[in-house]
């Protein structure tokens, strides 16, 4: 059950923190709220969705409640026009050790990472960084529990592709980090020369693809 509360004058926060599988409900709510008249912005997070309106939020409460009806059973839908392919060189420092800990070969881990699309769930940490969950539509997000490194690296290079917890992510800048690194991409996740600097947006489908030069034994 969602709790809806005001955030300032023109925004409402939909909180699923007390619900089972809150992230799935957040992304379904993100889709359901898209057509609310007067909506200015939607900001999803791991357990909440912030909706910002042109005018006082109290005017839109009824429309929000109507849009969210049935959100517990509604399927999340992905806009295929937002599908982004990210080519990856699978040469990451943690590829072999992570594969071994999961009881598979490095190539099997690569295949697993590429075989199904991921959904860009919400942004955070740095401009252009998105937390991605595996799968889309029915039966998602797929439950994962990839451990972070016991000791984070002081520098993770820009473009690094990693896993942590239930998420995949691509580092848009050089940064410290504790994610398990599978490889790297040359794709710019954040580019101020683009009309929309961020490559991804919430709800976008992401397909990782092994480059011809990226292979593992």
N, C-alpha and C. Protein backbone atom coordinates (compact mmCIF):
# COMPACT_ATOMS: atom_id res chain seq x y z
N UNK A 1 0.85 -1.19 0.00
CA UNK A 1 0.00 0.00 0.00
C UNK A 1 0.89 1.24 0.00
N UNK A 2 0.60 2.18 -0.87
CA UNK A 2 1.41 3.38 -0.96
C UNK A 2 0.93 4.44 0.02
N UNK A 3 1.88 5.17 0.56
CA UNK A 3 1.56 6.37 1.34
C UNK A 3 1.86 7.57 0.46
N UNK A 4 0.90 8.49 0.34
CA UNK A 4 1.08 9.69 -0.47
C UNK A 4 1.12 10.89 0.47
N UNK A 5 2.18 11.67 0.38
CA UNK A 5 2.28 12.84 1.26
C UNK A 5 2.87 14.02 0.48
N UNK A 6 2.52 15.24 0.90
CA UNK A 6 3.01 16.43 0.20
C UNK A 6 4.49 16.64 0.44
N UNK A 7 5.15 17.17 -0.58
CA UNK A 7 6.55 17.58 -0.48
C UNK A 7 6.61 19.03 -0.97
N UNK A 8 6.52 19.96 -0.04
CA UNK A 8 6.41 21.35 -0.43
C UNK A 8 5.02 21.63 -0.97
N UNK A 9 4.89 22.66 -1.78
CA UNK A 9 3.59 23.09 -2.28
C UNK A 9 3.15 22.34 -3.52
N UNK A 10 4.09 22.07 -4.43
CA UNK A 10 3.72 21.59 -5.76
C UNK A 10 4.12 20.14 -6.03
N UNK A 11 4.40 19.36 -5.02
CA UNK A 11 4.85 17.99 -5.26
C UNK A 11 4.22 17.01 -4.28
N UNK A 12 4.11 15.77 -4.73
CA UNK A 12 3.64 14.67 -3.89
C UNK A 12 4.68 13.56 -3.92
N UNK A 13 4.90 12.94 -2.77
CA UNK A 13 5.80 11.79 -2.68
C UNK A 13 4.97 10.54 -2.47
N UNK A 14 5.13 9.57 -3.36
CA UNK A 14 4.46 8.28 -3.24
C UNK A 14 5.48 7.31 -2.65
N UNK A 15 5.18 6.79 -1.48
CA UNK A 15 6.14 6.00 -0.71
C UNK A 15 5.68 4.55 -0.63
N UNK A 16 6.50 3.64 -1.19
CA UNK A 16 6.20 2.21 -1.16
C UNK A 16 7.13 1.45 -0.21
N UNK A 17 7.78 2.16 0.70
CA UNK A 17 8.79 1.52 1.53
C UNK A 17 8.24 0.41 2.41
N UNK A 18 6.94 0.45 2.72
CA UNK A 18 6.35 -0.60 3.56
C UNK A 18 5.70 -1.70 2.74
N UNK A 19 5.86 -1.66 1.41
CA UNK A 19 5.26 -2.65 0.52
C UNK A 19 6.27 -3.72 0.13
N UNK A 20 5.76 -4.87 -0.27
CA UNK A 20 6.62 -5.90 -0.84
C UNK A 20 7.06 -5.46 -2.23
N UNK A 21 8.31 -5.73 -2.57
CA UNK A 21 8.86 -5.39 -3.88
C UNK A 21 8.59 -3.93 -4.24
N UNK A 22 9.07 -2.99 -3.42
CA UNK A 22 8.73 -1.58 -3.64
C UNK A 22 9.23 -1.03 -4.96
N UNK A 23 10.39 -1.47 -5.43
CA UNK A 23 10.92 -0.91 -6.68
C UNK A 23 10.02 -1.22 -7.86
N UNK A 24 9.48 -2.44 -7.91
CA UNK A 24 8.56 -2.78 -9.00
C UNK A 24 7.34 -1.87 -8.97
N UNK A 25 6.83 -1.59 -7.78
CA UNK A 25 5.66 -0.71 -7.66
C UNK A 25 6.02 0.72 -8.05
N UNK A 26 7.22 1.16 -7.69
CA UNK A 26 7.65 2.51 -8.08
C UNK A 26 7.65 2.67 -9.59
N UNK A 27 8.21 1.70 -10.31
CA UNK A 27 8.29 1.85 -11.76
C UNK A 27 6.94 1.69 -12.43
N UNK A 28 6.07 0.86 -11.86
CA UNK A 28 4.71 0.79 -12.41
C UNK A 28 3.99 2.12 -12.19
N UNK A 29 4.19 2.70 -11.00
CA UNK A 29 3.58 4.01 -10.72
C UNK A 29 4.15 5.08 -11.64
N UNK A 30 5.43 5.00 -11.91
CA UNK A 30 6.08 5.95 -12.83
C UNK A 30 5.41 5.92 -14.19
N UNK A 31 5.11 4.71 -14.68
CA UNK A 31 4.42 4.58 -15.96
C UNK A 31 2.98 5.07 -15.86
N UNK A 32 2.29 4.69 -14.77
CA UNK A 32 0.87 5.02 -14.62
C UNK A 32 0.64 6.52 -14.50
N UNK A 33 1.60 7.24 -13.93
CA UNK A 33 1.42 8.67 -13.69
C UNK A 33 1.74 9.54 -14.90
N UNK A 34 2.25 8.94 -15.96
CA UNK A 34 2.78 9.71 -17.08
C UNK A 34 1.77 10.65 -17.72
N UNK A 35 0.50 10.26 -17.74
CA UNK A 35 -0.51 11.04 -18.46
C UNK A 35 -1.32 11.98 -17.57
N UNK A 36 -0.92 12.13 -16.32
CA UNK A 36 -1.66 13.04 -15.43
C UNK A 36 -1.49 14.47 -15.92
N UNK A 37 -2.60 15.15 -16.16
CA UNK A 37 -2.55 16.53 -16.64
C UNK A 37 -1.94 17.44 -15.57
N UNK A 38 -1.03 18.30 -15.99
CA UNK A 38 -0.39 19.21 -15.06
C UNK A 38 0.90 18.68 -14.46
N UNK A 39 1.26 17.44 -14.82
CA UNK A 39 2.48 16.85 -14.29
C UNK A 39 3.70 17.48 -14.97
N UNK A 40 4.67 17.90 -14.17
CA UNK A 40 5.89 18.53 -14.69
C UNK A 40 7.06 17.56 -14.69
N UNK A 41 7.17 16.74 -13.65
CA UNK A 41 8.34 15.86 -13.54
C UNK A 41 8.00 14.65 -12.70
N UNK A 42 8.67 13.53 -12.99
CA UNK A 42 8.57 12.30 -12.22
C UNK A 42 9.98 11.88 -11.84
N UNK A 43 10.22 11.67 -10.55
CA UNK A 43 11.56 11.32 -10.08
C UNK A 43 11.48 10.03 -9.27
N UNK A 44 11.78 8.88 -9.89
CA UNK A 44 11.74 7.61 -9.15
C UNK A 44 13.00 7.40 -8.33
N UNK A 45 12.85 6.65 -7.25
CA UNK A 45 13.97 6.19 -6.43
C UNK A 45 13.70 4.74 -6.07
N UNK A 46 14.50 4.18 -5.19
CA UNK A 46 14.39 2.75 -4.90
C UNK A 46 13.05 2.38 -4.28
N UNK A 47 12.47 3.29 -3.48
CA UNK A 47 11.22 2.98 -2.79
C UNK A 47 10.16 4.07 -2.92
N UNK A 48 10.48 5.14 -3.59
CA UNK A 48 9.57 6.28 -3.67
C UNK A 48 9.51 6.84 -5.09
N UNK A 49 8.44 7.60 -5.34
CA UNK A 49 8.28 8.33 -6.59
C UNK A 49 7.82 9.74 -6.26
N UNK A 50 8.58 10.73 -6.71
CA UNK A 50 8.21 12.13 -6.51
C UNK A 50 7.52 12.64 -7.76
N UNK A 51 6.35 13.22 -7.60
CA UNK A 51 5.61 13.82 -8.70
C UNK A 51 5.52 15.33 -8.47
N UNK A 52 5.96 16.10 -9.46
CA UNK A 52 5.94 17.56 -9.34
C UNK A 52 4.95 18.13 -10.36
N UNK A 53 4.15 19.10 -9.92
CA UNK A 53 3.06 19.63 -10.73
C UNK A 53 3.23 21.13 -10.99
N UNK A 54 2.45 21.62 -11.96
CA UNK A 54 2.51 23.04 -12.31
C UNK A 54 1.93 23.92 -11.21
N UNK A 55 0.96 23.39 -10.50
CA UNK A 55 0.29 24.16 -9.46
C UNK A 55 0.29 23.40 -8.15
N UNK A 56 -0.50 23.86 -7.18
CA UNK A 56 -0.56 23.20 -5.88
C UNK A 56 -0.90 21.72 -6.00
N UNK A 57 -0.13 20.90 -5.33
CA UNK A 57 -0.26 19.44 -5.48
C UNK A 57 -1.61 18.93 -5.03
N UNK A 58 -2.24 19.61 -4.07
CA UNK A 58 -3.53 19.11 -3.56
C UNK A 58 -4.58 19.03 -4.67
N UNK A 59 -4.44 19.85 -5.71
CA UNK A 59 -5.39 19.82 -6.82
C UNK A 59 -5.29 18.52 -7.62
N UNK A 60 -4.15 17.85 -7.52
CA UNK A 60 -3.90 16.69 -8.37
C UNK A 60 -3.98 15.37 -7.60
N UNK A 61 -4.27 15.45 -6.30
CA UNK A 61 -4.26 14.24 -5.48
C UNK A 61 -5.23 13.20 -5.99
N UNK A 62 -6.45 13.61 -6.33
CA UNK A 62 -7.45 12.66 -6.81
C UNK A 62 -6.99 11.98 -8.10
N UNK A 63 -6.40 12.76 -9.01
CA UNK A 63 -5.91 12.19 -10.27
C UNK A 63 -4.79 11.19 -10.03
N UNK A 64 -3.93 11.48 -9.06
CA UNK A 64 -2.85 10.56 -8.72
C UNK A 64 -3.41 9.26 -8.16
N UNK A 65 -4.35 9.37 -7.24
CA UNK A 65 -4.95 8.17 -6.65
C UNK A 65 -5.63 7.32 -7.71
N UNK A 66 -6.30 7.95 -8.65
CA UNK A 66 -6.95 7.21 -9.74
C UNK A 66 -5.92 6.52 -10.62
N UNK A 67 -4.85 7.22 -10.94
CA UNK A 67 -3.81 6.64 -11.80
C UNK A 67 -3.14 5.44 -11.15
N UNK A 68 -3.06 5.47 -9.82
CA UNK A 68 -2.34 4.41 -9.11
C UNK A 68 -3.23 3.22 -8.77
N UNK A 69 -4.51 3.31 -9.01
CA UNK A 69 -5.40 2.19 -8.70
C UNK A 69 -4.97 0.97 -9.50
N UNK A 70 -4.90 -0.16 -8.82
CA UNK A 70 -4.50 -1.39 -9.49
C UNK A 70 -3.00 -1.53 -9.66
N UNK A 71 -2.23 -0.63 -9.05
CA UNK A 71 -0.77 -0.67 -9.23
C UNK A 71 -0.14 -1.93 -8.65
N UNK A 72 -0.83 -2.60 -7.72
CA UNK A 72 -0.27 -3.82 -7.14
C UNK A 72 -0.25 -4.97 -8.13
N UNK A 73 -1.13 -4.95 -9.12
CA UNK A 73 -1.20 -6.07 -10.06
C UNK A 73 -0.82 -5.67 -11.47
N UNK A 74 -0.80 -4.40 -11.77
CA UNK A 74 -0.49 -3.92 -13.12
C UNK A 74 0.94 -4.29 -13.51
N UNK A 75 1.13 -4.66 -14.77
CA UNK A 75 2.46 -4.96 -15.27
C UNK A 75 3.17 -3.69 -15.69
N UNK A 76 4.46 -3.64 -15.41
CA UNK A 76 5.27 -2.54 -15.91
C UNK A 76 5.47 -2.71 -17.40
N UNK A 77 5.33 -1.63 -18.16
CA UNK A 77 5.55 -1.71 -19.59
C UNK A 77 6.75 -0.86 -19.97
N UNK A 78 7.51 -1.35 -20.93
CA UNK A 78 8.69 -0.64 -21.40
C UNK A 78 8.39 -0.03 -22.75
N UNK A 79 8.74 1.24 -22.91
CA UNK A 79 8.59 1.91 -24.19
C UNK A 79 9.76 1.49 -25.07
N UNK A 80 9.47 0.67 -26.09
CA UNK A 80 10.54 0.15 -26.93
C UNK A 80 11.27 1.26 -27.68
N UNK A 81 10.64 2.43 -27.82
CA UNK A 81 11.32 3.54 -28.47
C UNK A 81 12.49 4.03 -27.63
N UNK A 82 12.52 3.65 -26.36
CA UNK A 82 13.58 4.08 -25.47
C UNK A 82 14.65 3.00 -25.29
N UNK A 83 14.65 1.97 -26.10
CA UNK A 83 15.64 0.91 -25.97
C UNK A 83 17.02 1.44 -26.36
N UNK A 84 17.99 1.21 -25.49
CA UNK A 84 19.36 1.66 -25.71
C UNK A 84 20.28 0.45 -25.68
N UNK A 85 21.09 0.29 -26.71
CA UNK A 85 22.08 -0.79 -26.74
C UNK A 85 23.42 -0.25 -26.27
N UNK A 86 24.02 -0.93 -25.30
CA UNK A 86 25.32 -0.52 -24.77
C UNK A 86 26.33 -1.62 -25.06
N UNK A 87 27.25 -1.41 -26.01
CA UNK A 87 28.29 -2.41 -26.28
C UNK A 87 29.32 -2.42 -25.16
N UNK A 88 29.74 -3.61 -24.77
CA UNK A 88 30.63 -3.76 -23.62
C UNK A 88 31.86 -4.58 -24.01
N UNK A 89 33.03 -4.10 -23.63
CA UNK A 89 34.25 -4.90 -23.67
C UNK A 89 34.32 -5.64 -22.33
N UNK A 90 34.15 -6.93 -22.34
CA UNK A 90 34.11 -7.69 -21.09
C UNK A 90 35.52 -8.06 -20.66
N UNK A 91 36.20 -7.05 -20.10
CA UNK A 91 37.58 -7.19 -19.65
C UNK A 91 37.73 -6.72 -18.21
N UNK A 92 36.64 -6.76 -17.45
CA UNK A 92 36.63 -6.20 -16.11
C UNK A 92 37.49 -6.95 -15.11
N UNK A 93 37.96 -6.21 -14.12
CA UNK A 93 38.86 -6.77 -13.12
C UNK A 93 38.21 -7.85 -12.27
N UNK A 94 36.88 -7.83 -12.17
CA UNK A 94 36.19 -8.78 -11.29
C UNK A 94 35.44 -9.87 -12.05
N UNK A 95 35.57 -9.89 -13.37
CA UNK A 95 34.78 -10.83 -14.17
C UNK A 95 35.04 -12.28 -13.76
N UNK A 96 36.29 -12.67 -13.69
CA UNK A 96 36.61 -14.07 -13.39
C UNK A 96 36.25 -14.43 -11.97
N UNK A 97 36.60 -13.58 -11.00
CA UNK A 97 36.33 -13.91 -9.60
C UNK A 97 34.84 -13.94 -9.31
N UNK A 98 34.08 -13.01 -9.90
CA UNK A 98 32.64 -13.00 -9.68
C UNK A 98 32.00 -14.23 -10.31
N UNK A 99 32.43 -14.56 -11.54
CA UNK A 99 31.89 -15.75 -12.19
C UNK A 99 32.16 -17.00 -11.35
N UNK A 100 33.36 -17.10 -10.82
CA UNK A 100 33.70 -18.26 -9.99
C UNK A 100 32.82 -18.31 -8.74
N UNK A 101 32.59 -17.16 -8.11
CA UNK A 101 31.77 -17.15 -6.90
C UNK A 101 30.32 -17.51 -7.19
N UNK A 102 29.88 -17.29 -8.44
CA UNK A 102 28.51 -17.62 -8.84
C UNK A 102 28.40 -19.02 -9.43
N UNK A 103 29.54 -19.72 -9.51
CA UNK A 103 29.53 -21.09 -10.00
C UNK A 103 29.36 -21.19 -11.50
N UNK A 104 29.90 -20.22 -12.24
CA UNK A 104 29.80 -20.26 -13.69
C UNK A 104 31.12 -19.80 -14.31
N UNK A 105 31.25 -20.00 -15.60
CA UNK A 105 32.44 -19.54 -16.31
C UNK A 105 32.30 -18.05 -16.62
N UNK A 106 33.42 -17.36 -16.89
CA UNK A 106 33.31 -15.96 -17.30
C UNK A 106 32.41 -15.77 -18.52
N UNK A 107 32.50 -16.68 -19.49
CA UNK A 107 31.67 -16.54 -20.68
C UNK A 107 30.19 -16.71 -20.35
N UNK A 108 29.90 -17.62 -19.42
CA UNK A 108 28.51 -17.81 -19.01
C UNK A 108 27.97 -16.55 -18.32
N UNK A 109 28.82 -15.87 -17.54
CA UNK A 109 28.40 -14.63 -16.89
C UNK A 109 28.15 -13.54 -17.93
N UNK A 110 29.02 -13.47 -18.93
CA UNK A 110 28.81 -12.51 -20.02
C UNK A 110 27.49 -12.79 -20.73
N UNK A 111 27.26 -14.05 -21.04
CA UNK A 111 26.01 -14.42 -21.73
C UNK A 111 24.80 -14.05 -20.89
N UNK A 112 24.88 -14.31 -19.59
CA UNK A 112 23.78 -13.97 -18.68
C UNK A 112 23.53 -12.46 -18.67
N UNK A 113 24.61 -11.69 -18.65
CA UNK A 113 24.49 -10.23 -18.59
C UNK A 113 23.83 -9.68 -19.85
N UNK A 114 24.03 -10.37 -20.97
CA UNK A 114 23.54 -9.87 -22.27
C UNK A 114 22.22 -10.50 -22.71
N UNK A 115 21.83 -11.63 -22.11
CA UNK A 115 20.74 -12.40 -22.71
C UNK A 115 19.37 -11.75 -22.53
N UNK A 116 19.19 -10.95 -21.51
CA UNK A 116 17.91 -10.29 -21.27
C UNK A 116 18.13 -8.79 -21.10
N UNK A 117 17.13 -7.99 -21.47
CA UNK A 117 17.27 -6.54 -21.28
C UNK A 117 17.20 -6.17 -19.80
N UNK A 118 17.74 -5.01 -19.51
CA UNK A 118 17.65 -4.41 -18.19
C UNK A 118 16.77 -3.17 -18.29
N UNK A 119 16.22 -2.74 -17.16
CA UNK A 119 15.41 -1.53 -17.12
C UNK A 119 16.11 -0.47 -16.29
N UNK A 120 16.28 0.73 -16.85
CA UNK A 120 16.83 1.86 -16.10
C UNK A 120 15.79 2.28 -15.06
N UNK A 121 16.09 2.00 -13.80
CA UNK A 121 15.09 2.21 -12.75
C UNK A 121 15.09 3.65 -12.23
N UNK A 122 16.25 4.12 -11.81
CA UNK A 122 16.33 5.48 -11.27
C UNK A 122 17.78 5.94 -11.31
N UNK A 123 17.95 7.26 -11.33
CA UNK A 123 19.28 7.84 -11.36
C UNK A 123 19.82 8.10 -9.97
N UNK A 124 21.12 8.33 -9.90
CA UNK A 124 21.72 8.63 -8.62
C UNK A 124 23.23 8.63 -8.72
N UNK A 125 23.88 9.04 -7.65
CA UNK A 125 25.33 8.99 -7.49
C UNK A 125 26.05 10.05 -8.32
N UNK A 126 25.79 10.12 -9.61
CA UNK A 126 26.44 11.10 -10.49
C UNK A 126 25.54 11.33 -11.70
N UNK A 127 25.62 12.51 -12.33
CA UNK A 127 24.82 12.74 -13.54
C UNK A 127 25.07 11.67 -14.60
N UNK A 128 24.00 11.08 -15.10
CA UNK A 128 24.12 10.05 -16.12
C UNK A 128 24.18 8.64 -15.60
N UNK A 129 24.31 8.47 -14.27
CA UNK A 129 24.35 7.12 -13.71
C UNK A 129 22.93 6.64 -13.43
N UNK A 130 22.64 5.42 -13.87
CA UNK A 130 21.33 4.82 -13.61
C UNK A 130 21.49 3.45 -12.98
N UNK A 131 20.68 3.20 -11.98
CA UNK A 131 20.56 1.87 -11.39
C UNK A 131 19.61 1.07 -12.29
N UNK A 132 20.09 -0.05 -12.82
CA UNK A 132 19.31 -0.85 -13.75
C UNK A 132 18.96 -2.19 -13.12
N UNK A 133 17.72 -2.63 -13.34
CA UNK A 133 17.28 -3.93 -12.85
C UNK A 133 17.10 -4.87 -14.04
N UNK A 134 17.35 -6.14 -13.81
CA UNK A 134 17.34 -7.09 -14.91
C UNK A 134 15.91 -7.48 -15.27
N UNK A 135 15.63 -7.45 -16.57
CA UNK A 135 14.33 -7.84 -17.06
C UNK A 135 13.40 -6.66 -17.20
N UNK A 136 12.24 -6.93 -17.79
CA UNK A 136 11.20 -5.93 -17.95
C UNK A 136 9.88 -6.65 -18.12
N UNK A 137 8.77 -5.93 -17.91
CA UNK A 137 7.47 -6.55 -18.05
C UNK A 137 7.19 -7.51 -16.91
N UNK A 138 6.64 -8.69 -17.23
CA UNK A 138 6.21 -9.64 -16.21
C UNK A 138 7.42 -10.32 -15.58
N UNK A 139 7.35 -10.56 -14.28
CA UNK A 139 8.38 -11.31 -13.59
C UNK A 139 9.65 -10.52 -13.35
N UNK A 140 9.55 -9.26 -13.08
CA UNK A 140 10.73 -8.46 -12.82
C UNK A 140 10.47 -7.59 -11.60
N UNK A 141 11.44 -6.91 -10.99
CA UNK A 141 12.84 -7.14 -11.32
C UNK A 141 13.31 -8.50 -10.83
N UNK A 142 14.21 -9.09 -11.58
CA UNK A 142 14.75 -10.39 -11.20
C UNK A 142 15.54 -10.25 -9.91
N UNK A 143 15.28 -11.09 -8.91
CA UNK A 143 16.00 -10.96 -7.64
C UNK A 143 17.47 -11.32 -7.79
N UNK A 144 18.32 -10.40 -7.41
CA UNK A 144 19.76 -10.62 -7.47
C UNK A 144 20.36 -10.16 -6.14
N UNK A 145 21.52 -10.68 -5.82
CA UNK A 145 22.23 -10.23 -4.62
C UNK A 145 23.73 -10.34 -4.88
N UNK A 146 24.24 -9.44 -5.71
CA UNK A 146 25.66 -9.44 -6.04
C UNK A 146 26.39 -8.63 -4.97
N UNK A 147 27.31 -9.24 -4.23
CA UNK A 147 27.98 -8.50 -3.15
C UNK A 147 28.89 -7.40 -3.68
N UNK A 148 28.90 -6.29 -2.99
CA UNK A 148 29.89 -5.26 -3.29
C UNK A 148 31.27 -5.72 -2.82
N UNK A 149 32.30 -5.06 -3.32
CA UNK A 149 33.65 -5.38 -2.88
C UNK A 149 33.80 -5.05 -1.40
N UNK A 150 34.55 -5.88 -0.69
CA UNK A 150 34.78 -5.63 0.73
C UNK A 150 35.52 -4.31 0.93
N UNK A 151 36.43 -4.01 0.02
CA UNK A 151 37.17 -2.75 0.06
C UNK A 151 36.95 -2.01 -1.26
N UNK A 152 36.23 -0.91 -1.25
CA UNK A 152 35.98 -0.18 -2.50
C UNK A 152 37.27 0.31 -3.14
N UNK A 153 37.26 0.41 -4.44
CA UNK A 153 38.40 0.98 -5.16
C UNK A 153 38.39 2.50 -5.00
N UNK A 154 39.57 3.07 -4.94
CA UNK A 154 39.66 4.53 -4.85
C UNK A 154 39.36 5.19 -6.19
N UNK A 155 39.52 4.43 -7.28
CA UNK A 155 39.21 4.98 -8.61
C UNK A 155 38.66 3.88 -9.50
N UNK A 156 37.46 4.10 -9.99
CA UNK A 156 36.84 3.24 -11.01
C UNK A 156 36.78 4.08 -12.29
N UNK A 157 37.36 3.60 -13.39
CA UNK A 157 37.40 4.42 -14.61
C UNK A 157 36.02 4.67 -15.20
N UNK A 158 35.89 5.83 -15.81
CA UNK A 158 34.69 6.19 -16.56
C UNK A 158 34.38 5.10 -17.58
N UNK A 159 33.09 4.74 -17.69
CA UNK A 159 32.67 3.72 -18.64
C UNK A 159 32.66 2.31 -18.09
N UNK A 160 33.12 2.14 -16.85
CA UNK A 160 33.13 0.80 -16.25
C UNK A 160 31.71 0.29 -16.07
N UNK A 161 31.51 -0.98 -16.39
CA UNK A 161 30.21 -1.64 -16.28
C UNK A 161 30.27 -2.59 -15.10
N UNK A 162 29.36 -2.42 -14.14
CA UNK A 162 29.45 -3.21 -12.93
C UNK A 162 28.12 -3.74 -12.43
N UNK A 163 28.22 -4.59 -11.41
CA UNK A 163 27.06 -5.17 -10.74
C UNK A 163 27.21 -4.97 -9.24
N UNK A 164 26.09 -4.73 -8.56
CA UNK A 164 26.08 -4.66 -7.10
C UNK A 164 24.64 -4.83 -6.63
N UNK A 165 24.44 -5.70 -5.64
CA UNK A 165 23.08 -5.95 -5.16
C UNK A 165 22.22 -6.48 -6.29
N UNK A 166 21.08 -5.85 -6.53
CA UNK A 166 20.20 -6.27 -7.63
C UNK A 166 20.38 -5.41 -8.87
N UNK A 167 21.43 -4.57 -8.88
CA UNK A 167 21.56 -3.57 -9.93
C UNK A 167 22.78 -3.78 -10.82
N UNK A 168 22.64 -3.32 -12.07
CA UNK A 168 23.76 -3.09 -12.97
C UNK A 168 23.91 -1.58 -13.13
N UNK A 169 25.10 -1.15 -13.50
CA UNK A 169 25.31 0.28 -13.71
C UNK A 169 26.54 0.53 -14.56
N UNK A 170 26.59 1.72 -15.12
CA UNK A 170 27.74 2.17 -15.92
C UNK A 170 28.23 3.48 -15.32
N UNK A 171 29.50 3.51 -14.91
CA UNK A 171 30.06 4.71 -14.30
C UNK A 171 30.21 5.80 -15.36
N UNK A 172 29.57 6.96 -15.18
CA UNK A 172 29.67 8.02 -16.18
C UNK A 172 30.93 8.87 -16.05
N UNK A 173 31.61 8.75 -14.91
CA UNK A 173 32.83 9.51 -14.64
C UNK A 173 33.80 8.63 -13.87
N UNK A 174 35.07 9.03 -13.81
CA UNK A 174 36.00 8.39 -12.89
C UNK A 174 35.51 8.64 -11.47
N UNK A 175 35.52 7.59 -10.65
CA UNK A 175 34.94 7.75 -9.32
C UNK A 175 35.40 6.61 -8.42
N UNK A 176 35.45 6.82 -7.11
CA UNK A 176 35.58 5.67 -6.21
C UNK A 176 34.34 4.79 -6.35
N UNK A 177 34.48 3.51 -6.02
CA UNK A 177 33.33 2.63 -6.11
C UNK A 177 33.63 1.22 -5.67
N UNK A 178 32.57 0.52 -5.26
CA UNK A 178 32.74 -0.84 -4.77
C UNK A 178 31.97 -1.88 -5.56
N UNK A 179 31.54 -1.52 -6.77
CA UNK A 179 30.80 -2.48 -7.59
C UNK A 179 31.75 -3.48 -8.23
N UNK A 180 31.22 -4.66 -8.53
CA UNK A 180 31.99 -5.70 -9.21
C UNK A 180 32.04 -5.36 -10.70
N UNK A 181 33.24 -5.22 -11.25
CA UNK A 181 33.40 -4.73 -12.61
C UNK A 181 33.49 -5.88 -13.61
N UNK A 182 32.56 -5.85 -14.58
CA UNK A 182 32.55 -6.87 -15.64
C UNK A 182 33.32 -6.42 -16.87
N UNK A 183 33.38 -5.12 -17.11
CA UNK A 183 34.03 -4.63 -18.32
C UNK A 183 33.89 -3.13 -18.43
N UNK A 184 33.98 -2.64 -19.67
CA UNK A 184 33.82 -1.20 -19.89
C UNK A 184 33.16 -0.95 -21.23
N UNK A 185 32.58 0.23 -21.35
CA UNK A 185 31.96 0.65 -22.60
C UNK A 185 32.53 2.00 -23.02
N UNK A 186 32.54 2.24 -24.32
CA UNK A 186 32.98 3.53 -24.84
C UNK A 186 31.81 4.51 -25.00
N UNK A 187 30.62 4.07 -24.70
CA UNK A 187 29.43 4.92 -24.82
C UNK A 187 29.46 6.02 -23.76
N UNK A 188 29.14 7.22 -24.16
CA UNK A 188 29.07 8.35 -23.22
C UNK A 188 27.71 8.33 -22.52
N UNK A 189 27.72 8.10 -21.21
CA UNK A 189 26.47 8.08 -20.46
C UNK A 189 25.96 9.49 -20.17
N UNK A 190 26.88 10.46 -20.16
CA UNK A 190 26.52 11.85 -19.88
C UNK A 190 27.34 12.74 -20.79
N UNK A 191 26.67 13.52 -21.63
CA UNK A 191 27.36 14.34 -22.62
C UNK A 191 26.61 15.66 -22.76
N UNK A 192 27.23 16.74 -22.30
CA UNK A 192 26.58 18.05 -22.32
C UNK A 192 26.40 18.59 -23.74
N UNK A 193 27.03 17.97 -24.72
CA UNK A 193 26.85 18.39 -26.10
C UNK A 193 25.57 17.83 -26.72
N UNK A 194 24.92 16.87 -26.03
CA UNK A 194 23.65 16.34 -26.52
C UNK A 194 22.50 17.20 -26.02
N UNK A 195 21.41 17.18 -26.79
CA UNK A 195 20.21 17.90 -26.37
C UNK A 195 19.74 17.40 -25.01
N UNK A 196 19.71 16.08 -24.85
CA UNK A 196 19.46 15.45 -23.55
C UNK A 196 20.78 14.83 -23.10
N UNK A 197 21.49 15.46 -22.16
CA UNK A 197 22.82 14.98 -21.80
C UNK A 197 22.86 13.53 -21.32
N UNK A 198 21.84 13.11 -20.59
CA UNK A 198 21.81 11.73 -20.08
C UNK A 198 21.39 10.77 -21.18
N UNK A 199 22.15 9.70 -21.36
CA UNK A 199 21.80 8.70 -22.37
C UNK A 199 20.51 7.98 -22.01
N UNK A 200 20.30 7.76 -20.71
CA UNK A 200 19.15 6.99 -20.24
C UNK A 200 18.13 7.89 -19.56
N UNK A 201 16.94 7.35 -19.38
CA UNK A 201 15.90 7.98 -18.59
C UNK A 201 15.12 6.88 -17.89
N UNK A 202 14.39 7.19 -16.82
CA UNK A 202 13.67 6.15 -16.10
C UNK A 202 12.72 5.39 -17.01
N UNK A 203 12.76 4.07 -16.91
CA UNK A 203 11.89 3.22 -17.71
C UNK A 203 12.49 2.77 -19.02
N UNK A 204 13.65 3.32 -19.40
CA UNK A 204 14.29 2.92 -20.65
C UNK A 204 14.75 1.46 -20.55
N UNK A 205 14.65 0.76 -21.67
CA UNK A 205 15.16 -0.60 -21.75
C UNK A 205 16.60 -0.56 -22.22
N UNK A 206 17.47 -1.30 -21.55
CA UNK A 206 18.90 -1.31 -21.86
C UNK A 206 19.31 -2.73 -22.24
N UNK A 207 19.93 -2.84 -23.39
CA UNK A 207 20.44 -4.14 -23.84
C UNK A 207 21.97 -4.06 -23.89
N UNK A 208 22.62 -4.83 -23.01
CA UNK A 208 24.07 -4.93 -23.08
C UNK A 208 24.45 -5.90 -24.19
N UNK A 209 25.54 -5.59 -24.88
CA UNK A 209 25.95 -6.39 -26.03
C UNK A 209 27.46 -6.53 -26.02
N UNK A 210 27.95 -7.76 -26.06
CA UNK A 210 29.39 -7.99 -26.08
C UNK A 210 29.97 -7.53 -27.41
N UNK A 211 31.03 -6.74 -27.36
CA UNK A 211 31.69 -6.32 -28.59
C UNK A 211 32.46 -7.49 -29.16
N UNK A 212 32.82 -7.39 -30.44
CA UNK A 212 33.51 -8.49 -31.10
C UNK A 212 34.87 -8.75 -30.50
N UNK A 213 35.43 -7.73 -29.84
CA UNK A 213 36.75 -7.89 -29.25
C UNK A 213 36.67 -8.33 -27.80
N UNK A 214 35.46 -8.44 -27.26
CA UNK A 214 35.30 -8.80 -25.85
C UNK A 214 34.87 -10.25 -25.74
N UNK A 215 35.76 -11.07 -25.29
CA UNK A 215 35.44 -12.48 -25.12
C UNK A 215 36.16 -13.01 -23.90
N UNK A 216 35.66 -14.09 -23.37
CA UNK A 216 36.27 -14.69 -22.18
C UNK A 216 36.29 -16.19 -22.36
N UNK A 217 37.25 -16.82 -21.68
CA UNK A 217 37.36 -18.28 -21.77
C UNK A 217 36.29 -18.93 -20.92
